[in-house]
Amino acid sequence: MRGADARRWLHDLVTADIEGLPDRRTLRSLILTPTGRIRADFHVARVDGSYLLLQSPDQPEPVDAILAPYVLSSDVEMEDRAARTTVIAVLGGGATEDGDAVVLSPSILGHGRDLVVSAGEPAARVRAHLRAVGLVEAGAEDLEIWRIRRGIARMGADFDAGALPAEAGLEDVIDFTKGCFLGQESVSKVRNLGHPRHVLRHVRSRSPIARGAPVVSGDVVVGEVTSSADGLDGTDAIVRVRWDATSKPLGTRDAPLSLQHEQ
């Protein structure tokens, strides 16, 4: 995304502080409906005065399709580069600086750096370079375990389009000091005057936990497991529970759950 109006235009639409974003830095952000519900969860990066919007391809609405109707007479140009670009997350070790890739930090995975490179041969060269310096390529299952162990909520797994940011544990990606953005009034009301019906919590159990398993408080079902990752020292999970149960002891039918940290 580029154009003379791109910074101010994007800043006025999404939840993150785009105007204060330094070059080569990324921020997680949301696009909300006018009633404050999530339409897209993505990362935005500033690169030499332009902006890259990085979004998981499995979300129901592409970011550019959501934003396009708001361009109107603004000097903003959007280009879909998904088919021509590869994003490689580097979670440890050094990132290549050989000119093939644009290096962004922090990574969209919440740690490390991202390398944005042209698809095809340039991406293959970068992967070969990273393997040559001793890094190991992770698969989709490894990345899902990484995410769950850090309690990072994912659209489609832990919350759906239409959820409130407070339900998804994503109020921290909203800059409440910057003024107007799509859905600003509605999310401020939830934050200041009420609470969501359900919330996400990152928990751990000494026993295996299945995705979809009921979460109980005493004998009452108060939620369900939305994501789980078994490990040698127990199982990490993200659970969706009723607001009135958040201060109560939680468990599954087989084992208690310990709260790891707030979403």
C-alpha atoms as a PDB file:
ATOM      1  CA  MET A   1       0.000   0.000   0.000  1.00  0.00           C
ATOM      2  CA  ARG A   2       1.382   3.380  -0.966  1.00  0.00           C
ATOM      3  CA  GLY A   3       0.355   6.920  -1.811  1.00  0.00           C
ATOM      4  CA  ALA A   4       0.497  10.398  -0.307  1.00  0.00           C
ATOM      5  CA  ASP A   5      -2.518   9.690   1.919  1.00  0.00           C
ATOM      6  CA  ALA A   6      -1.659   6.087   2.840  1.00  0.00           C
ATOM      7  CA  ARG A   7      -0.383   6.712   6.376  1.00  0.00           C
ATOM      8  CA  ARG A   8      -3.227   8.913   7.588  1.00  0.00           C
ATOM      9  CA  TRP A   9      -5.882   6.929   5.687  1.00  0.00           C
ATOM     10  CA  LEU A  10      -4.798   3.586   7.156  1.00  0.00           C
ATOM     11  CA  HIS A  11      -4.316   5.078  10.616  1.00  0.00           C
ATOM     12  CA  ASP A  12      -7.936   6.270  10.638  1.00  0.00           C
ATOM     13  CA  LEU A  13      -9.303   2.820   9.766  1.00  0.00           C
ATOM     14  CA  VAL A  14      -7.361   0.189  11.739  1.00  0.00           C
ATOM     15  CA  THR A  15      -6.847  -0.246  15.487  1.00  0.00           C
ATOM     16  CA  ALA A  16      -3.034   0.104  15.638  1.00  0.00           C
ATOM     17  CA  ASP A  17      -0.998   3.334  15.760  1.00  0.00           C
ATOM     18  CA  ILE A  18       0.181   3.522  12.146  1.00  0.00           C
ATOM     19  CA  GLU A  19       1.443   7.101  12.353  1.00  0.00           C
ATOM     20  CA  GLY A  20       3.966   6.171  15.043  1.00  0.00           C
ATOM     21  CA  LEU A  21       5.195   2.992  13.334  1.00  0.00           C
ATOM     22  CA  PRO A  22       8.961   3.099  12.625  1.00  0.00           C
ATOM     23  CA  ASP A  23      10.428   1.792   9.372  1.00  0.00           C
ATOM     24  CA  ARG A  24      10.867  -2.005   9.178  1.00  0.00           C
ATOM     25  CA  ARG A  25       8.721  -2.533  12.281  1.00  0.00           C
ATOM     26  CA  THR A  26       5.523  -4.576  12.500  1.00  0.00           C
ATOM     27  CA  LEU A  27       2.386  -4.230  14.605  1.00  0.00           C
ATOM     28  CA  ARG A  28      -0.543  -6.561  15.035  1.00  0.00           C
ATOM     29  CA  SER A  29      -3.787  -4.795  14.234  1.00  0.00           C
ATOM     30  CA  LEU A  30      -7.478  -5.371  13.597  1.00  0.00           C
ATOM     31  CA  ILE A  31     -10.090  -4.106  11.206  1.00  0.00           C
ATOM     32  CA  LEU A  32     -13.442  -3.841  12.947  1.00  0.00           C
ATOM     33  CA  THR A  33     -17.030  -3.400  11.850  1.00  0.00           C
ATOM     34  CA  PRO A  34     -18.746  -0.128  12.798  1.00  0.00           C
ATOM     35  CA  THR A  35     -20.219  -2.047  15.760  1.00  0.00           C
ATOM     36  CA  GLY A  36     -16.742  -3.019  16.995  1.00  0.00           C
ATOM     37  CA  ARG A  37     -16.570  -6.653  15.872  1.00  0.00           C
ATOM     38  CA  ILE A  38     -13.508  -8.224  14.247  1.00  0.00           C
ATOM     39  CA  ARG A  39     -13.410  -8.514  10.459  1.00  0.00           C
ATOM     40  CA  ALA A  40      -9.679  -9.163  10.006  1.00  0.00           C
ATOM     41  CA  ASP A  41      -6.652  -9.846  12.204  1.00  0.00           C
ATOM     42  CA  PHE A  42      -3.351  -8.954  10.522  1.00  0.00           C
ATOM     43  CA  HIS A  43       0.059  -7.336  10.886  1.00  0.00           C
ATOM     44  CA  VAL A  44       1.135  -4.077   9.298  1.00  0.00           C
ATOM     45  CA  ALA A  45       4.733  -3.129   8.518  1.00  0.00           C
ATOM     46  CA  ARG A  46       6.161   0.160   7.275  1.00  0.00           C
ATOM     47  CA  VAL A  47       8.751  -0.183   4.510  1.00  0.00           C
ATOM     48  CA  ASP A  48      10.283   2.944   2.967  1.00  0.00           C
ATOM     49  CA  GLY A  49       7.083   4.957   3.273  1.00  0.00           C
ATOM     50  CA  SER A  50       4.818   2.185   2.017  1.00  0.00           C
ATOM     51  CA  TYR A  51       2.889  -0.348   4.099  1.00  0.00           C
ATOM     52  CA  LEU A  52       2.750  -4.126   3.958  1.00  0.00           C
ATOM     53  CA  LEU A  53      -0.347  -5.823   5.357  1.00  0.00           C
ATOM     54  CA  LEU A  54       0.414  -9.411   6.358  1.00  0.00           C
ATOM     55  CA  GLN A  55      -2.609 -11.652   6.869  1.00  0.00           C
ATOM     56  CA  SER A  56      -3.136 -15.390   7.211  1.00  0.00           C
ATOM     57  CA  PRO A  57      -4.707 -16.701   3.973  1.00  0.00           C
ATOM     58  CA  ASP A  58      -7.289 -18.804   5.841  1.00  0.00           C
ATOM     59  CA  GLN A  59      -9.221 -15.785   7.131  1.00  0.00           C
ATOM     60  CA  PRO A  60     -12.661 -15.287   5.569  1.00  0.00           C
ATOM     61  CA  GLU A  61     -12.054 -11.754   4.198  1.00  0.00           C
ATOM     62  CA  PRO A  62      -8.818 -10.422   2.655  1.00  0.00           C
ATOM     63  CA  VAL A  63      -7.640  -7.133   4.135  1.00  0.00           C
ATOM     64  CA  ASP A  64      -7.456  -5.388   0.772  1.00  0.00           C
ATOM     65  CA  ALA A  65     -11.060  -6.320  -0.061  1.00  0.00           C
ATOM     66  CA  ILE A  66     -12.242  -4.887   3.257  1.00  0.00           C
ATOM     67  CA  LEU A  67     -10.308  -1.631   2.840  1.00  0.00           C
ATOM     68  CA  ALA A  68     -10.967  -1.021  -0.860  1.00  0.00           C
ATOM     69  CA  PRO A  69     -14.428   0.609  -0.462  1.00  0.00           C
ATOM     70  CA  TYR A  70     -12.907   3.250   1.839  1.00  0.00           C
ATOM     71  CA  VAL A  71     -10.342   4.546  -0.679  1.00  0.00           C
ATOM     72  CA  LEU A  72     -12.796   6.861  -2.506  1.00  0.00           C
ATOM     73  CA  SER A  73     -10.830   9.985  -3.534  1.00  0.00           C
ATOM     74  CA  SER A  74      -7.827   9.361  -1.260  1.00  0.00           C
ATOM     75  CA  ASP A  75      -4.365   9.108  -2.816  1.00  0.00           C
ATOM     76  CA  VAL A  76      -3.944   5.447  -1.864  1.00  0.00           C
ATOM     77  CA  GLU A  77      -2.895   2.566  -4.091  1.00  0.00           C
ATOM     78  CA  MET A  78      -3.220  -1.072  -3.004  1.00  0.00           C
ATOM     79  CA  GLU A  79      -1.583  -4.063  -4.684  1.00  0.00           C
ATOM     80  CA  ASP A  80      -2.087  -7.755  -3.891  1.00  0.00           C
ATOM     81  CA  ARG A  81       1.379  -9.331  -3.733  1.00  0.00           C
ATOM     82  CA  ALA A  82       0.384 -12.604  -2.038  1.00  0.00           C
ATOM     83  CA  ALA A  83       1.138 -14.784  -5.064  1.00  0.00           C
ATOM     84  CA  ARG A  84       4.521 -13.113  -5.654  1.00  0.00           C
ATOM     85  CA  THR A  85       5.792 -12.827  -2.074  1.00  0.00           C
ATOM     86  CA  THR A  86       6.939 -15.252   0.625  1.00  0.00           C
ATOM     87  CA  VAL A  87       7.218 -14.415   4.329  1.00  0.00           C
ATOM     88  CA  ILE A  88       9.785 -16.464   6.256  1.00  0.00           C
ATOM     89  CA  ALA A  89       9.740 -16.172  10.051  1.00  0.00           C
ATOM     90  CA  VAL A  90      13.160 -16.530  11.709  1.00  0.00           C
ATOM     91  CA  LEU A  91      12.631 -17.371  15.364  1.00  0.00           C
ATOM     92  CA  GLY A  92      16.280 -17.848  16.303  1.00  0.00           C
ATOM     93  CA  GLY A  93      19.720 -17.064  14.916  1.00  0.00           C
ATOM     94  CA  GLY A  94      20.511 -14.343  12.427  1.00  0.00           C
ATOM     95  CA  ALA A  95      18.376 -13.119   9.552  1.00  0.00           C
ATOM     96  CA  THR A  96      19.898 -12.724   6.108  1.00  0.00           C
ATOM     97  CA  GLU A  97      21.016  -9.240   5.119  1.00  0.00           C
ATOM     98  CA  ASP A  98      22.122 -10.167   1.582  1.00  0.00           C
ATOM     99  CA  GLY A  99      19.636  -7.944  -0.204  1.00  0.00           C
ATOM    100  CA  ASP A 100      17.204 -10.673  -1.245  1.00  0.00           C
ATOM    101  CA  ALA A 101      14.857  -9.993   1.665  1.00  0.00           C
ATOM    102  CA  VAL A 102      13.244  -7.115   3.536  1.00  0.00           C
ATOM    103  CA  VAL A 103      13.828  -7.791   7.245  1.00  0.00           C
ATOM    104  CA  LEU A 104      10.985  -6.886   9.608  1.00  0.00           C
ATOM    105  CA  SER A 105      10.700  -7.149  13.387  1.00  0.00           C
ATOM    106  CA  PRO A 106       9.164  -8.405  15.517  1.00  0.00           C
ATOM    107  CA  SER A 107       7.944 -11.470  13.666  1.00  0.00           C
ATOM    108  CA  ILE A 108       4.248 -11.979  12.985  1.00  0.00           C
ATOM    109  CA  LEU A 109       4.690 -15.057  15.206  1.00  0.00           C
ATOM    110  CA  GLY A 110       5.458 -12.775  18.148  1.00  0.00           C
ATOM    111  CA  HIS A 111       9.208 -13.355  18.396  1.00  0.00           C
ATOM    112  CA  GLY A 112      12.242 -13.062  16.124  1.00  0.00           C
ATOM    113  CA  ARG A 113      12.169 -11.453  12.691  1.00  0.00           C
ATOM    114  CA  ASP A 114      10.407 -11.900   9.360  1.00  0.00           C
ATOM    115  CA  LEU A 115      12.031 -11.994   5.945  1.00  0.00           C
ATOM    116  CA  VAL A 116       9.806 -10.763   3.118  1.00  0.00           C
ATOM    117  CA  VAL A 117      11.174 -12.036  -0.193  1.00  0.00           C
ATOM    118  CA  SER A 118       9.984 -12.671  -3.732  1.00  0.00           C
ATOM    119  CA  ALA A 119       8.507 -16.125  -4.210  1.00  0.00           C
ATOM    120  CA  GLY A 120      10.343 -18.770  -6.239  1.00  0.00           C
ATOM    121  CA  GLU A 121      14.118 -18.751  -6.603  1.00  0.00           C
ATOM    122  CA  PRO A 122      14.812 -15.778  -4.247  1.00  0.00           C
ATOM    123  CA  ALA A 123      12.832 -17.473  -1.449  1.00  0.00           C
ATOM    124  CA  ALA A 124      14.637 -20.767  -2.101  1.00  0.00           C
ATOM    125  CA  ARG A 125      18.021 -19.013  -1.802  1.00  0.00           C
ATOM    126  CA  VAL A 126      17.026 -17.445   1.528  1.00  0.00           C
ATOM    127  CA  ARG A 127      15.841 -20.808   2.908  1.00  0.00           C
ATOM    128  CA  ALA A 128      19.093 -22.455   1.792  1.00  0.00           C
ATOM    129  CA  HIS A 129      21.110 -19.697   3.468  1.00  0.00           C
ATOM    130  CA  LEU A 130      19.227 -20.116   6.749  1.00  0.00           C
ATOM    131  CA  ARG A 131      19.715 -23.884   6.719  1.00  0.00           C
ATOM    132  CA  ALA A 132      23.420 -23.374   5.980  1.00  0.00           C
ATOM    133  CA  VAL A 133      23.857 -21.261   9.126  1.00  0.00           C
ATOM    134  CA  GLY A 134      22.311 -24.012  11.252  1.00  0.00           C
ATOM    135  CA  LEU A 135      18.613 -23.131  11.469  1.00  0.00           C
ATOM    136  CA  VAL A 136      15.976 -25.857  11.225  1.00  0.00           C
ATOM    137  CA  GLU A 137      12.875 -25.380   9.098  1.00  0.00           C
ATOM    138  CA  ALA A 138       9.658 -25.796  11.089  1.00  0.00           C
ATOM    139  CA  GLY A 139       6.401 -27.166   9.751  1.00  0.00           C
ATOM    140  CA  ALA A 140       2.827 -26.012  10.268  1.00  0.00           C
ATOM    141  CA  GLU A 141       2.337 -28.324  13.264  1.00  0.00           C
ATOM    142  CA  ASP A 142       5.472 -26.947  14.945  1.00  0.00           C
ATOM    143  CA  LEU A 143       4.254 -23.378  14.466  1.00  0.00           C
ATOM    144  CA  GLU A 144       0.858 -24.230  15.926  1.00  0.00           C
ATOM    145  CA  ILE A 145       2.542 -25.647  19.046  1.00  0.00           C
ATOM    146  CA  TRP A 146       4.707 -22.513  19.258  1.00  0.00           C
ATOM    147  CA  ARG A 147       1.581 -20.324  19.120  1.00  0.00           C
ATOM    148  CA  ILE A 148      -0.424 -22.249  21.699  1.00  0.00           C
ATOM    149  CA  ARG A 149       2.458 -22.470  24.184  1.00  0.00           C
ATOM    150  CA  ARG A 150       2.612 -18.684  24.101  1.00  0.00           C
ATOM    151  CA  GLY A 151      -1.138 -18.268  24.412  1.00  0.00           C
ATOM    152  CA  ILE A 152      -1.519 -16.415  21.109  1.00  0.00           C
ATOM    153  CA  ALA A 153      -5.128 -16.531  19.890  1.00  0.00           C
ATOM    154  CA  ARG A 154      -5.772 -17.324  16.210  1.00  0.00           C
ATOM    155  CA  MET A 155      -8.808 -16.428  14.132  1.00  0.00           C
ATOM    156  CA  GLY A 156     -10.632 -19.533  13.016  1.00  0.00           C
ATOM    157  CA  ALA A 157      -9.354 -21.601  15.934  1.00  0.00           C
ATOM    158  CA  ASP A 158      -9.898 -19.566  19.103  1.00  0.00           C
ATOM    159  CA  PHE A 159     -12.269 -16.893  17.834  1.00  0.00           C
ATOM    160  CA  ASP A 160     -14.273 -16.241  14.692  1.00  0.00           C
ATOM    161  CA  ALA A 161     -14.936 -13.203  12.563  1.00  0.00           C
ATOM    162  CA  GLY A 162     -17.575 -11.191  14.399  1.00  0.00           C
ATOM    163  CA  ALA A 163     -16.019 -11.639  17.851  1.00  0.00           C
ATOM    164  CA  LEU A 164     -15.421  -8.617  20.043  1.00  0.00           C
ATOM    165  CA  PRO A 165     -11.718  -7.787  20.584  1.00  0.00           C
ATOM    166  CA  ALA A 166     -12.241  -8.247  24.337  1.00  0.00           C
ATOM    167  CA  GLU A 167     -13.624 -11.744  23.715  1.00  0.00           C
ATOM    168  CA  ALA A 168     -10.547 -12.640  21.674  1.00  0.00           C
ATOM    169  CA  GLY A 169      -8.071 -11.185  24.185  1.00  0.00           C
ATOM    170  CA  LEU A 170      -6.976  -8.602  21.621  1.00  0.00           C
ATOM    171  CA  GLU A 171      -7.609  -5.294  23.341  1.00  0.00           C
ATOM    172  CA  ASP A 172      -3.832  -4.863  23.537  1.00  0.00           C
ATOM    173  CA  VAL A 173      -3.680  -4.418  19.749  1.00  0.00           C
ATOM    174  CA  ILE A 174      -6.009  -1.428  19.981  1.00  0.00           C
ATOM    175  CA  ASP A 175      -4.569   2.046  20.537  1.00  0.00           C
ATOM    176  CA  PHE A 176      -7.305   3.715  22.582  1.00  0.00           C
ATOM    177  CA  THR A 177      -5.387   7.022  22.648  1.00  0.00           C
ATOM    178  CA  LYS A 178      -5.212   7.718  18.930  1.00  0.00           C
ATOM    179  CA  GLY A 179      -8.777   8.896  18.333  1.00  0.00           C
ATOM    180  CA  CYS A 180     -11.161   7.546  15.744  1.00  0.00           C
ATOM    181  CA  PHE A 181     -10.954   4.239  13.912  1.00  0.00           C
ATOM    182  CA  LEU A 182     -13.613   1.888  12.615  1.00  0.00           C
ATOM    183  CA  GLY A 183     -15.640   0.586  15.571  1.00  0.00           C
ATOM    184  CA  GLN A 184     -13.870   2.849  18.092  1.00  0.00           C
ATOM    185  CA  GLU A 185     -16.998   3.981  19.923  1.00  0.00           C
ATOM    186  CA  SER A 186     -18.336   0.456  20.344  1.00  0.00           C
ATOM    187  CA  VAL A 187     -15.109  -1.082  21.680  1.00  0.00           C
ATOM    188  CA  SER A 188     -14.679   1.842  24.074  1.00  0.00           C
ATOM    189  CA  LYS A 189     -18.159   1.196  25.488  1.00  0.00           C
ATOM    190  CA  VAL A 190     -17.328  -2.458  26.110  1.00  0.00           C
ATOM    191  CA  ARG A 191     -14.055  -1.487  27.766  1.00  0.00           C
ATOM    192  CA  ASN A 192     -15.454   1.281  29.946  1.00  0.00           C
ATOM    193  CA  LEU A 193     -19.023   0.262  30.677  1.00  0.00           C
ATOM    194  CA  GLY A 194     -19.264  -3.516  30.457  1.00  0.00           C
ATOM    195  CA  HIS A 195     -17.595  -6.778  29.588  1.00  0.00           C
ATOM    196  CA  PRO A 196     -17.878  -9.508  26.929  1.00  0.00           C
ATOM    197  CA  ARG A 197     -19.944 -12.638  27.488  1.00  0.00           C
ATOM    198  CA  HIS A 198     -16.928 -14.903  26.976  1.00  0.00           C
ATOM    199  CA  VAL A 199     -13.139 -14.542  27.182  1.00  0.00           C
ATOM    200  CA  LEU A 200     -10.072 -16.562  26.208  1.00  0.00           C
ATOM    201  CA  ARG A 201      -7.580 -17.887  28.742  1.00  0.00           C
ATOM    202  CA  HIS A 202      -4.183 -19.567  28.328  1.00  0.00           C
ATOM    203  CA  VAL A 203      -4.056 -22.587  30.628  1.00  0.00           C
ATOM    204  CA  ARG A 204      -1.977 -25.673  31.335  1.00  0.00           C
ATOM    205  CA  SER A 205      -2.805 -29.186  32.479  1.00  0.00           C
ATOM    206  CA  ARG A 206      -0.664 -32.125  33.554  1.00  0.00           C
ATOM    207  CA  SER A 207      -2.954 -34.366  31.510  1.00  0.00           C
ATOM    208  CA  PRO A 208      -3.676 -34.346  27.756  1.00  0.00           C
ATOM    209  CA  ILE A 209      -6.475 -32.018  26.660  1.00  0.00           C
ATOM    210  CA  ALA A 210      -8.453 -32.479  23.451  1.00  0.00           C
ATOM    211  CA  ARG A 211      -9.577 -29.543  21.344  1.00  0.00           C
ATOM    212  CA  GLY A 212     -13.326 -29.133  21.843  1.00  0.00           C
ATOM    213  CA  ALA A 213     -13.311 -30.689  25.310  1.00  0.00           C
ATOM    214  CA  PRO A 214     -15.689 -29.006  27.773  1.00  0.00           C
ATOM    215  CA  VAL A 215     -14.230 -26.731  30.444  1.00  0.00           C
ATOM    216  CA  VAL A 216     -15.931 -26.979  33.813  1.00  0.00           C
ATOM    217  CA  SER A 217     -16.079 -25.067  37.066  1.00  0.00           C
ATOM    218  CA  GLY A 218     -17.160 -27.596  39.635  1.00  0.00           C
ATOM    219  CA  ASP A 219     -19.858 -29.616  37.900  1.00  0.00           C
ATOM    220  CA  VAL A 220     -20.946 -26.797  35.564  1.00  0.00           C
ATOM    221  CA  VAL A 221     -19.770 -26.549  31.959  1.00  0.00           C
ATOM    222  CA  VAL A 222     -18.540 -22.976  31.450  1.00  0.00           C
ATOM    223  CA  GLY A 223     -16.655 -23.197  28.160  1.00  0.00           C
ATOM    224  CA  GLU A 224     -14.542 -25.306  25.849  1.00  0.00           C
ATOM    225  CA  VAL A 225     -10.965 -25.903  24.702  1.00  0.00           C
ATOM    226  CA  THR A 226     -10.286 -24.050  21.451  1.00  0.00           C
ATOM    227  CA  SER A 227      -6.599 -25.009  20.924  1.00  0.00           C
ATOM    228  CA  SER A 228      -4.287 -27.512  22.612  1.00  0.00           C
ATOM    229  CA  ALA A 229      -0.663 -28.623  22.338  1.00  0.00           C
ATOM    230  CA  ASP A 230       0.663 -31.647  24.226  1.00  0.00           C
ATOM    231  CA  GLY A 231       4.215 -31.630  25.555  1.00  0.00           C
ATOM    232  CA  LEU A 232       6.534 -33.653  27.779  1.00  0.00           C
ATOM    233  CA  ASP A 233       5.768 -31.426  30.770  1.00  0.00           C
ATOM    234  CA  GLY A 234       2.011 -31.160  30.249  1.00  0.00           C
ATOM    235  CA  THR A 235      -0.479 -29.669  27.840  1.00  0.00           C
ATOM    236  CA  ASP A 236      -0.879 -26.009  26.991  1.00  0.00           C
ATOM    237  CA  ALA A 237      -4.301 -24.892  25.818  1.00  0.00           C
ATOM    238  CA  ILE A 238      -6.399 -21.875  25.004  1.00  0.00           C
ATOM    239  CA  VAL A 239      -9.915 -22.074  26.388  1.00  0.00           C
ATOM    240  CA  ARG A 240     -13.031 -19.997  25.836  1.00  0.00           C
ATOM    241  CA  VAL A 241     -15.034 -19.541  29.042  1.00  0.00           C
ATOM    242  CA  ARG A 242     -17.950 -17.507  30.321  1.00  0.00           C
ATOM    243  CA  TRP A 243     -17.078 -14.173  31.883  1.00  0.00           C
ATOM    244  CA  ASP A 244     -18.635 -15.116  35.208  1.00  0.00           C
ATOM    245  CA  ALA A 245     -16.312 -18.127  35.460  1.00  0.00           C
ATOM    246  CA  THR A 246     -12.999 -16.341  34.924  1.00  0.00           C
ATOM    247  CA  SER A 247     -12.259 -15.937  38.636  1.00  0.00           C
ATOM    248  CA  LYS A 248     -13.280 -19.511  39.503  1.00  0.00           C
ATOM    249  CA  PRO A 249     -11.148 -22.690  39.455  1.00  0.00           C
ATOM    250  CA  LEU A 250     -11.313 -24.285  36.004  1.00  0.00           C
ATOM    251  CA  GLY A 251     -10.742 -27.806  34.781  1.00  0.00           C
ATOM    252  CA  THR A 252     -11.713 -30.457  32.293  1.00  0.00           C
ATOM    253  CA  ARG A 253     -13.590 -33.606  33.241  1.00  0.00           C
ATOM    254  CA  ASP A 254     -10.200 -35.279  33.840  1.00  0.00           C
ATOM    255  CA  ALA A 255      -7.878 -32.659  35.354  1.00  0.00           C
ATOM    256  CA  PRO A 256      -7.601 -29.151  36.807  1.00  0.00           C
ATOM    257  CA  LEU A 257      -6.351 -26.271  34.660  1.00  0.00           C
ATOM    258  CA  SER A 258      -3.832 -23.685  35.814  1.00  0.00           C
ATOM    259  CA  LEU A 259      -3.919 -20.165  34.369  1.00  0.00           C
ATOM    260  CA  GLN A 260      -0.666 -19.258  32.592  1.00  0.00           C
ATOM    261  CA  HIS A 261      -1.144 -15.570  31.830  1.00  0.00           C
ATOM    262  CA  GLU A 262      -3.786 -13.121  30.747  1.00  0.00           C
ATOM    263  CA  GLN A 263      -4.523 -12.954  27.027  1.00  0.00           C
END
